C-alpha atoms as a PDB file:
ATOM      1  CA  UNK A   1      -9.232 -22.499  30.679  1.00  0.00           C
ATOM      2  CA  UNK A   2     -10.683 -24.158  27.570  1.00  0.00           C
ATOM      3  CA  UNK A   3      -8.849 -25.801  25.127  1.00  0.00           C
ATOM      4  CA  UNK A   4      -5.706 -24.420  22.835  1.00  0.00           C
ATOM      5  CA  UNK A   5      -6.555 -23.080  19.503  1.00  0.00           C
ATOM      6  CA  UNK A   6      -5.638 -26.551  17.618  1.00  0.00           C
ATOM      7  CA  UNK A   7      -7.273 -28.749  20.056  1.00  0.00           C
ATOM      8  CA  UNK A   8      -9.338 -31.675  18.823  1.00  0.00           C
ATOM      9  CA  UNK A   9     -12.291 -33.326  21.060  1.00  0.00           C
ATOM     10  CA  UNK A  10     -11.602 -36.700  22.309  1.00  0.00           C
ATOM     11  CA  UNK A  11     -12.996 -39.651  20.208  1.00  0.00           C
ATOM     12  CA  UNK A  12     -16.104 -41.505  20.617  1.00  0.00           C
ATOM     13  CA  UNK A  13     -15.357 -44.887  21.890  1.00  0.00           C
ATOM     14  CA  UNK A  14     -15.398 -46.952  19.132  1.00  0.00           C
ATOM     15  CA  UNK A  15     -18.215 -49.444  19.947  1.00  0.00           C
ATOM     16  CA  UNK A  16     -20.417 -46.479  19.848  1.00  0.00           C
ATOM     17  CA  UNK A  17     -19.027 -45.093  16.562  1.00  0.00           C
ATOM     18  CA  UNK A  18     -21.731 -45.419  13.409  1.00  0.00           C
ATOM     19  CA  UNK A  19     -18.743 -44.215  11.101  1.00  0.00           C
ATOM     20  CA  UNK A  20     -14.919 -44.175  10.965  1.00  0.00           C
ATOM     21  CA  UNK A  21     -13.341 -40.867  12.660  1.00  0.00           C
ATOM     22  CA  UNK A  22     -14.242 -38.172  10.608  1.00  0.00           C
ATOM     23  CA  UNK A  23     -12.366 -35.513   8.705  1.00  0.00           C
ATOM     24  CA  UNK A  24     -15.492 -33.469   8.448  1.00  0.00           C
ATOM     25  CA  UNK A  25     -18.143 -33.447   6.419  1.00  0.00           C
ATOM     26  CA  UNK A  26     -20.388 -30.445   7.778  1.00  0.00           C
ATOM     27  CA  UNK A  27     -20.445 -26.929   7.006  1.00  0.00           C
ATOM     28  CA  UNK A  28     -21.232 -23.172   7.552  1.00  0.00           C
ATOM     29  CA  UNK A  29     -24.743 -21.829   7.693  1.00  0.00           C
ATOM     30  CA  UNK A  30     -25.414 -18.317   8.476  1.00  0.00           C
ATOM     31  CA  UNK A  31     -28.812 -18.089  10.925  1.00  0.00           C
ATOM     32  CA  UNK A  32     -31.261 -14.868  11.504  1.00  0.00           C
ATOM     33  CA  UNK A  33     -32.593 -15.026  15.115  1.00  0.00           C
ATOM     34  CA  UNK A  34     -36.115 -13.558  15.947  1.00  0.00           C
ATOM     35  CA  UNK A  35     -34.432 -10.159  16.736  1.00  0.00           C
ATOM     36  CA  UNK A  36     -32.669  -9.810  13.723  1.00  0.00           C
ATOM     37  CA  UNK A  37     -29.252 -10.765  14.595  1.00  0.00           C
ATOM     38  CA  UNK A  38     -27.000 -12.795  12.339  1.00  0.00           C
ATOM     39  CA  UNK A  39     -24.612 -15.651  13.595  1.00  0.00           C
ATOM     40  CA  UNK A  40     -22.553 -18.235  12.396  1.00  0.00           C
ATOM     41  CA  UNK A  41     -23.299 -22.023  12.825  1.00  0.00           C
ATOM     42  CA  UNK A  42     -21.687 -25.402  11.816  1.00  0.00           C
ATOM     43  CA  UNK A  43     -23.943 -28.161  10.852  1.00  0.00           C
ATOM     44  CA  UNK A  44     -22.834 -31.789  10.454  1.00  0.00           C
ATOM     45  CA  UNK A  45     -25.496 -33.974   9.449  1.00  0.00           C
ATOM     46  CA  UNK A  46     -25.734 -37.791  10.111  1.00  0.00           C
ATOM     47  CA  UNK A  47     -26.537 -39.954   7.052  1.00  0.00           C
ATOM     48  CA  UNK A  48     -29.730 -41.094   8.752  1.00  0.00           C
ATOM     49  CA  UNK A  49     -30.889 -40.948  12.608  1.00  0.00           C
ATOM     50  CA  UNK A  50     -33.527 -39.150  14.584  1.00  0.00           C
ATOM     51  CA  UNK A  51     -31.136 -37.413  17.360  1.00  0.00           C
ATOM     52  CA  UNK A  52     -29.571 -34.219  17.083  1.00  0.00           C
ATOM     53  CA  UNK A  53     -27.859 -31.808  19.718  1.00  0.00           C
ATOM     54  CA  UNK A  54     -27.289 -28.461  19.633  1.00  0.00           C
ATOM     55  CA  UNK A  55     -23.928 -27.569  20.992  1.00  0.00           C
ATOM     56  CA  UNK A  56     -23.460 -24.282  22.946  1.00  0.00           C
ATOM     57  CA  UNK A  57     -19.619 -23.524  23.144  1.00  0.00           C
ATOM     58  CA  UNK A  58     -17.659 -21.843  26.078  1.00  0.00           C
ATOM     59  CA  UNK A  59     -16.917 -18.511  25.930  1.00  0.00           C
ATOM     60  CA  UNK A  60     -15.006 -18.364  23.176  1.00  0.00           C
ATOM     61  CA  UNK A  61     -17.890 -18.887  20.936  1.00  0.00           C
ATOM     62  CA  UNK A  62     -17.646 -21.155  17.514  1.00  0.00           C
ATOM     63  CA  UNK A  63     -13.831 -21.959  17.433  1.00  0.00           C
ATOM     64  CA  UNK A  64     -12.969 -24.844  15.302  1.00  0.00           C
ATOM     65  CA  UNK A  65     -13.411 -27.418  18.241  1.00  0.00           C
ATOM     66  CA  UNK A  66     -16.769 -27.163  18.186  1.00  0.00           C
ATOM     67  CA  UNK A  67     -16.764 -27.788  14.614  1.00  0.00           C
ATOM     68  CA  UNK A  68     -14.953 -31.003  15.433  1.00  0.00           C
ATOM     69  CA  UNK A  69     -17.109 -31.960  18.157  1.00  0.00           C
ATOM     70  CA  UNK A  70     -20.338 -31.524  15.816  1.00  0.00           C
ATOM     71  CA  UNK A  71     -18.236 -34.215  13.465  1.00  0.00           C
ATOM     72  CA  UNK A  72     -17.696 -36.387  16.572  1.00  0.00           C
ATOM     73  CA  UNK A  73     -21.392 -36.450  17.168  1.00  0.00           C
ATOM     74  CA  UNK A  74     -22.026 -37.299  13.513  1.00  0.00           C
ATOM     75  CA  UNK A  75     -19.553 -40.293  14.150  1.00  0.00           C
ATOM     76  CA  UNK A  76     -21.918 -41.611  16.710  1.00  0.00           C
ATOM     77  CA  UNK A  77     -25.074 -41.152  14.219  1.00  0.00           C
ATOM     78  CA  UNK A  78     -26.195 -37.735  15.992  1.00  0.00           C
ATOM     79  CA  UNK A  79     -27.032 -34.808  13.688  1.00  0.00           C
ATOM     80  CA  UNK A  80     -25.359 -31.490  15.350  1.00  0.00           C
ATOM     81  CA  UNK A  81     -25.312 -28.041  14.914  1.00  0.00           C
ATOM     82  CA  UNK A  82     -22.913 -25.639  16.753  1.00  0.00           C
ATOM     83  CA  UNK A  83     -23.614 -22.206  17.031  1.00  0.00           C
ATOM     84  CA  UNK A  84     -21.536 -18.816  17.780  1.00  0.00           C
ATOM     85  CA  UNK A  85     -22.662 -15.970  20.302  1.00  0.00           C
ATOM     86  CA  UNK A  86     -20.857 -12.966  18.753  1.00  0.00           C
ATOM     87  CA  UNK A  87     -22.952 -12.182  15.113  1.00  0.00           C
ATOM     88  CA  UNK A  88     -24.237  -9.206  16.087  1.00  0.00           C
ATOM     89  CA  UNK A  89     -20.671  -7.762  17.466  1.00  0.00           C
ATOM     90  CA  UNK A  90     -17.979  -9.437  15.606  1.00  0.00           C
ATOM     91  CA  UNK A  91     -19.730 -10.501  12.582  1.00  0.00           C
ATOM     92  CA  UNK A  92     -20.384 -14.127  10.843  1.00  0.00           C
ATOM     93  CA  UNK A  93     -16.810 -14.615   9.343  1.00  0.00           C
ATOM     94  CA  UNK A  94     -14.817 -17.120  10.677  1.00  0.00           C
ATOM     95  CA  UNK A  95     -12.260 -15.421  13.288  1.00  0.00           C
ATOM     96  CA  UNK A  96      -8.309 -15.805  13.654  1.00  0.00           C
ATOM     97  CA  UNK A  97      -6.629 -17.709  16.728  1.00  0.00           C
ATOM     98  CA  UNK A  98      -5.993 -14.497  18.454  1.00  0.00           C
ATOM     99  CA  UNK A  99      -9.419 -13.095  18.528  1.00  0.00           C
ATOM    100  CA  UNK A 100     -10.337 -11.776  21.837  1.00  0.00           C
ATOM    101  CA  UNK A 101     -13.792 -12.972  23.156  1.00  0.00           C
ATOM    102  CA  UNK A 102     -14.107 -11.006  25.950  1.00  0.00           C
ATOM    103  CA  UNK A 103     -15.445  -7.615  24.772  1.00  0.00           C
ATOM    104  CA  UNK A 104     -17.960  -9.671  22.948  1.00  0.00           C
ATOM    105  CA  UNK A 105     -18.962 -11.522  25.702  1.00  0.00           C
ATOM    106  CA  UNK A 106     -19.753  -8.626  27.708  1.00  0.00           C
ATOM    107  CA  UNK A 107     -22.109  -7.525  24.790  1.00  0.00           C
ATOM    108  CA  UNK A 108     -23.835 -11.009  24.265  1.00  0.00           C
ATOM    109  CA  UNK A 109     -26.953 -10.839  26.345  1.00  0.00           C
ATOM    110  CA  UNK A 110     -29.051 -14.182  28.167  1.00  0.00           C
ATOM    111  CA  UNK A 111     -31.608 -13.016  25.778  1.00  0.00           C
ATOM    112  CA  UNK A 112     -29.561 -13.016  22.848  1.00  0.00           C
ATOM    113  CA  UNK A 113     -27.913 -16.584  23.492  1.00  0.00           C
ATOM    114  CA  UNK A 114     -31.362 -17.972  24.384  1.00  0.00           C
ATOM    115  CA  UNK A 115     -32.953 -16.572  21.253  1.00  0.00           C
ATOM    116  CA  UNK A 116     -29.652 -17.637  19.311  1.00  0.00           C
ATOM    117  CA  UNK A 117     -30.386 -21.307  20.912  1.00  0.00           C
ATOM    118  CA  UNK A 118     -33.754 -21.368  19.504  1.00  0.00           C
ATOM    119  CA  UNK A 119     -33.024 -20.500  16.144  1.00  0.00           C
ATOM    120  CA  UNK A 120     -30.690 -23.346  16.115  1.00  0.00           C
ATOM    121  CA  UNK A 121     -32.898 -25.636  17.221  1.00  0.00           C
ATOM    122  CA  UNK A 122     -35.694 -24.590  14.622  1.00  0.00           C
ATOM    123  CA  UNK A 123     -32.911 -24.985  11.595  1.00  0.00           C
ATOM    124  CA  UNK A 124     -31.855 -28.565  12.889  1.00  0.00           C
ATOM    125  CA  UNK A 125     -35.708 -29.455  12.821  1.00  0.00           C
ATOM    126  CA  UNK A 126     -35.878 -28.284   9.479  1.00  0.00           C
ATOM    127  CA  UNK A 127     -32.688 -29.298   7.756  1.00  0.00           C
ATOM    128  CA  UNK A 128     -32.267 -32.784   9.333  1.00  0.00           C
ATOM    129  CA  UNK A 129     -34.632 -35.707  10.160  1.00  0.00           C
ATOM    130  CA  UNK A 130     -34.045 -35.210  13.625  1.00  0.00           C
ATOM    131  CA  UNK A 131     -37.002 -35.706  16.029  1.00  0.00           C
ATOM    132  CA  UNK A 132     -35.405 -35.626  19.251  1.00  0.00           C
ATOM    133  CA  UNK A 133     -33.143 -32.585  19.536  1.00  0.00           C
ATOM    134  CA  UNK A 134     -30.752 -32.116  23.031  1.00  0.00           C
ATOM    135  CA  UNK A 135     -28.815 -29.141  24.099  1.00  0.00           C
ATOM    136  CA  UNK A 136     -25.110 -29.791  25.077  1.00  0.00           C
ATOM    137  CA  UNK A 137     -23.103 -26.771  26.604  1.00  0.00           C
ATOM    138  CA  UNK A 138     -19.265 -26.198  27.882  1.00  0.00           C
ATOM    139  CA  UNK A 139     -18.779 -23.671  30.471  1.00  0.00           C
ATOM    140  CA  UNK A 140     -20.862 -20.384  29.524  1.00  0.00           C
ATOM    141  CA  UNK A 141     -22.570 -22.918  27.365  1.00  0.00           C
ATOM    142  CA  UNK A 142     -23.096 -25.247  30.041  1.00  0.00           C
ATOM    143  CA  UNK A 143     -25.035 -22.645  32.035  1.00  0.00           C
ATOM    144  CA  UNK A 144     -27.040 -21.838  28.707  1.00  0.00           C
ATOM    145  CA  UNK A 145     -27.972 -25.651  28.623  1.00  0.00           C
ATOM    146  CA  UNK A 146     -29.156 -25.755  31.962  1.00  0.00           C
ATOM    147  CA  UNK A 147     -31.138 -22.575  31.709  1.00  0.00           C
ATOM    148  CA  UNK A 148     -32.529 -24.050  28.289  1.00  0.00           C
ATOM    149  CA  UNK A 149     -34.472 -27.021  30.465  1.00  0.00           C
ATOM    150  CA  UNK A 150     -36.441 -24.124  31.708  1.00  0.00           C
ATOM    151  CA  UNK A 151     -36.583 -21.747  28.988  1.00  0.00           C
ATOM    152  CA  UNK A 152     -37.090 -24.019  26.014  1.00  0.00           C
ATOM    153  CA  UNK A 153     -40.151 -26.117  24.694  1.00  0.00           C
ATOM    154  CA  UNK A 154     -39.439 -28.742  21.982  1.00  0.00           C
ATOM    155  CA  UNK A 155     -36.373 -29.899  23.692  1.00  0.00           C
ATOM    156  CA  UNK A 156     -35.962 -33.498  24.964  1.00  0.00           C
ATOM    157  CA  UNK A 157     -33.159 -32.930  27.433  1.00  0.00           C
ATOM    158  CA  UNK A 158     -30.295 -30.647  28.655  1.00  0.00           C
ATOM    159  CA  UNK A 159     -26.284 -31.737  28.953  1.00  0.00           C
ATOM    160  CA  UNK A 160     -24.385 -28.958  30.591  1.00  0.00           C
ATOM    161  CA  UNK A 161     -20.227 -29.650  31.025  1.00  0.00           C
ATOM    162  CA  UNK A 162     -18.853 -27.697  33.785  1.00  0.00           C
ATOM    163  CA  UNK A 163     -21.485 -24.664  33.656  1.00  0.00           C
ATOM    164  CA  UNK A 164     -21.674 -22.746  36.600  1.00  0.00           C
ATOM    165  CA  UNK A 165     -24.982 -23.271  38.146  1.00  0.00           C
ATOM    166  CA  UNK A 166     -25.073 -20.607  41.006  1.00  0.00           C
ATOM    167  CA  UNK A 167     -25.253 -17.002  41.462  1.00  0.00           C
ATOM    168  CA  UNK A 168     -22.584 -15.279  40.016  1.00  0.00           C
ATOM    169  CA  UNK A 169     -23.785 -12.046  42.146  1.00  0.00           C
ATOM    170  CA  UNK A 170     -26.548 -11.176  44.183  1.00  0.00           C
ATOM    171  CA  UNK A 171     -28.123  -9.601  41.265  1.00  0.00           C
ATOM    172  CA  UNK A 172     -27.618 -12.490  38.853  1.00  0.00           C
ATOM    173  CA  UNK A 173     -30.844 -13.336  37.212  1.00  0.00           C
ATOM    174  CA  UNK A 174     -29.718 -16.247  35.286  1.00  0.00           C
ATOM    175  CA  UNK A 175     -28.426 -19.228  37.672  1.00  0.00           C
ATOM    176  CA  UNK A 176     -29.650 -22.451  36.738  1.00  0.00           C
ATOM    177  CA  UNK A 177     -30.284 -23.218  40.254  1.00  0.00           C
ATOM    178  CA  UNK A 178     -32.691 -20.529  40.729  1.00  0.00           C
ATOM    179  CA  UNK A 179     -34.548 -21.683  37.495  1.00  0.00           C
ATOM    180  CA  UNK A 180     -34.805 -25.388  38.720  1.00  0.00           C
ATOM    181  CA  UNK A 181     -38.494 -24.906  39.500  1.00  0.00           C
ATOM    182  CA  UNK A 182     -39.220 -24.292  36.012  1.00  0.00           C
ATOM    183  CA  UNK A 183     -37.270 -27.182  34.242  1.00  0.00           C
ATOM    184  CA  UNK A 184     -39.567 -29.242  32.678  1.00  0.00           C
ATOM    185  CA  UNK A 185     -36.795 -31.725  30.818  1.00  0.00           C
ATOM    186  CA  UNK A 186     -34.301 -34.320  31.689  1.00  0.00           C
ATOM    187  CA  UNK A 187     -31.014 -32.989  32.946  1.00  0.00           C
ATOM    188  CA  UNK A 188     -27.625 -33.994  33.152  1.00  0.00           C
ATOM    189  CA  UNK A 189     -24.478 -32.018  34.875  1.00  0.00           C
ATOM    190  CA  UNK A 190     -20.897 -33.531  34.491  1.00  0.00           C
ATOM    191  CA  UNK A 191     -18.349 -31.787  36.615  1.00  0.00           C
ATOM    192  CA  UNK A 192     -14.739 -31.759  37.607  1.00  0.00           C
ATOM    193  CA  UNK A 193     -14.028 -32.306  41.320  1.00  0.00           C
ATOM    194  CA  UNK A 194     -10.429 -30.033  41.057  1.00  0.00           C
ATOM    195  CA  UNK A 195     -12.120 -27.273  38.872  1.00  0.00           C
ATOM    196  CA  UNK A 196     -10.884 -24.072  40.579  1.00  0.00           C
ATOM    197  CA  UNK A 197     -14.013 -21.867  39.761  1.00  0.00           C
ATOM    198  CA  UNK A 198     -16.724 -24.495  40.282  1.00  0.00           C
ATOM    199  CA  UNK A 199     -16.651 -25.893  43.946  1.00  0.00           C
ATOM    200  CA  UNK A 200     -18.005 -29.403  43.886  1.00  0.00           C
ATOM    201  CA  UNK A 201     -20.280 -27.998  46.634  1.00  0.00           C
ATOM    202  CA  UNK A 202     -22.136 -25.941  43.622  1.00  0.00           C
ATOM    203  CA  UNK A 203     -22.810 -29.089  41.735  1.00  0.00           C
ATOM    204  CA  UNK A 204     -24.060 -30.757  44.951  1.00  0.00           C
ATOM    205  CA  UNK A 205     -26.233 -28.240  45.636  1.00  0.00           C
ATOM    206  CA  UNK A 206     -27.817 -28.491  41.840  1.00  0.00           C
ATOM    207  CA  UNK A 207     -27.991 -32.064  42.302  1.00  0.00           C
ATOM    208  CA  UNK A 208     -30.194 -31.546  45.371  1.00  0.00           C
ATOM    209  CA  UNK A 209     -32.369 -29.008  43.862  1.00  0.00           C
ATOM    210  CA  UNK A 210     -33.109 -31.252  41.057  1.00  0.00           C
ATOM    211  CA  UNK A 211     -34.186 -34.095  43.099  1.00  0.00           C
ATOM    212  CA  UNK A 212     -36.357 -31.888  45.569  1.00  0.00           C
ATOM    213  CA  UNK A 213     -38.055 -30.591  42.512  1.00  0.00           C
ATOM    214  CA  UNK A 214     -38.304 -34.491  40.985  1.00  0.00           C
ATOM    215  CA  UNK A 215     -36.592 -33.465  37.758  1.00  0.00           C
ATOM    216  CA  UNK A 216     -35.253 -36.394  36.203  1.00  0.00           C
ATOM    217  CA  UNK A 217     -31.261 -35.860  36.691  1.00  0.00           C
ATOM    218  CA  UNK A 218     -28.071 -37.008  36.716  1.00  0.00           C
ATOM    219  CA  UNK A 219     -25.233 -35.112  37.907  1.00  0.00           C
ATOM    220  CA  UNK A 220     -21.598 -36.266  38.421  1.00  0.00           C
ATOM    221  CA  UNK A 221     -18.279 -34.993  39.681  1.00  0.00           C
ATOM    222  CA  UNK A 222     -15.473 -36.649  38.070  1.00  0.00           C
ATOM    223  CA  UNK A 223     -12.984 -36.617  41.361  1.00  0.00           C
ATOM    224  CA  UNK A 224      -9.519 -34.615  40.698  1.00  0.00           C
ATOM    225  CA  UNK A 225     -11.087 -33.192  37.446  1.00  0.00           C
ATOM    226  CA  UNK A 226     -10.389 -29.747  36.387  1.00  0.00           C
ATOM    227  CA  UNK A 227     -12.448 -27.300  34.730  1.00  0.00           C
ATOM    228  CA  UNK A 228     -12.808 -27.970  30.825  1.00  0.00           C
ATOM    229  CA  UNK A 229     -11.847 -31.843  31.201  1.00  0.00           C
ATOM    230  CA  UNK A 230     -13.199 -32.529  27.957  1.00  0.00           C
ATOM    231  CA  UNK A 231     -11.018 -30.467  25.818  1.00  0.00           C
ATOM    232  CA  UNK A 232      -8.002 -29.176  26.973  1.00  0.00           C
ATOM    233  CA  UNK A 233      -7.258 -32.208  29.233  1.00  0.00           C
ATOM    234  CA  UNK A 234      -8.860 -35.070  27.213  1.00  0.00           C
ATOM    235  CA  UNK A 235      -5.360 -36.913  26.193  1.00  0.00           C
ATOM    236  CA  UNK A 236      -4.328 -37.170  30.235  1.00  0.00           C
ATOM    237  CA  UNK A 237      -8.278 -37.860  31.032  1.00  0.00           C
ATOM    238  CA  UNK A 238      -9.136 -40.689  28.509  1.00  0.00           C
ATOM    239  CA  UNK A 239     -10.891 -42.846  30.834  1.00  0.00           C
ATOM    240  CA  UNK A 240     -13.141 -40.018  32.834  1.00  0.00           C
ATOM    241  CA  UNK A 241     -13.615 -38.554  28.962  1.00  0.00           C
ATOM    242  CA  UNK A 242     -14.891 -41.881  27.625  1.00  0.00           C
ATOM    243  CA  UNK A 243     -16.929 -42.026  30.318  1.00  0.00           C
ATOM    244  CA  UNK A 244     -18.726 -38.778  29.600  1.00  0.00           C
ATOM    245  CA  UNK A 245     -19.264 -40.054  25.885  1.00  0.00           C
ATOM    246  CA  UNK A 246     -21.218 -42.764  27.471  1.00  0.00           C
ATOM    247  CA  UNK A 247     -23.241 -40.457  29.321  1.00  0.00           C
ATOM    248  CA  UNK A 248     -24.012 -38.144  26.738  1.00  0.00           C
ATOM    249  CA  UNK A 249     -24.971 -41.172  24.019  1.00  0.00           C
ATOM    250  CA  UNK A 250     -26.697 -43.449  26.403  1.00  0.00           C
ATOM    251  CA  UNK A 251     -29.079 -40.119  27.493  1.00  0.00           C
ATOM    252  CA  UNK A 252     -29.606 -38.853  23.602  1.00  0.00           C
ATOM    253  CA  UNK A 253     -30.216 -42.300  22.864  1.00  0.00           C
ATOM    254  CA  UNK A 254     -32.866 -43.121  25.584  1.00  0.00           C
ATOM    255  CA  UNK A 255     -33.950 -40.296  26.724  1.00  0.00           C
ATOM    256  CA  UNK A 256     -32.964 -41.582  30.305  1.00  0.00           C
ATOM    257  CA  UNK A 257     -30.536 -39.177  31.975  1.00  0.00           C
ATOM    258  CA  UNK A 258     -29.116 -42.150  34.258  1.00  0.00           C
ATOM    259  CA  UNK A 259     -28.280 -44.458  31.127  1.00  0.00           C
ATOM    260  CA  UNK A 260     -24.735 -44.857  30.038  1.00  0.00           C
ATOM    261  CA  UNK A 261     -24.193 -46.280  26.641  1.00  0.00           C
END
């Protein structure tokens, strides 16, 4: 389960903000991927700053929650671009709250998501003053973020919130844990200990694999937290989500995956 349609992301801790909580200053852009596919993204620019994030959403694609999250990053002085997965099958217009993403997820390939991520990174470089770009993903996007550490050059780091690290099935070719040998940038993974879909053992296996390959990383499991704790449950888990913000921003500001702002 992910956030309800009108949920908003947890606020950045006050001491880490560069501006008051935003009412929104970004806007839509339509980008074209290397295969010619067009997709919508939401770009929010900080007044100044050299750090940026590409946000890979959960399996609903670019819902308003992730536009708000881009604004939260700007509150912290970080440029942000959140991109959609379904431009090829659902078009680039904004969608109603009752949009069913599942038929579109079935047609959204790993290669398409990876190409659209690369296009988003390129757009951020051209549209902002960003010199270091991180990818941060959630659920489906968390897996995309982990795999980006193996697949994409030019990124400074990858942050995955509750992204499934193991194989979905024996023929799954995109499991992050199988790609650890190729990971060449630091990785942060944040998981919930009560996640019904991702057992703690899967997060621990990713942690061990990253350590064995000497990939700089930080993997943390928050005891008792469910899947999607950063959105649907953020009011209930304020302390943990405040810590998650400090982990994410500490990494982005320092390049050290173990840092905490």
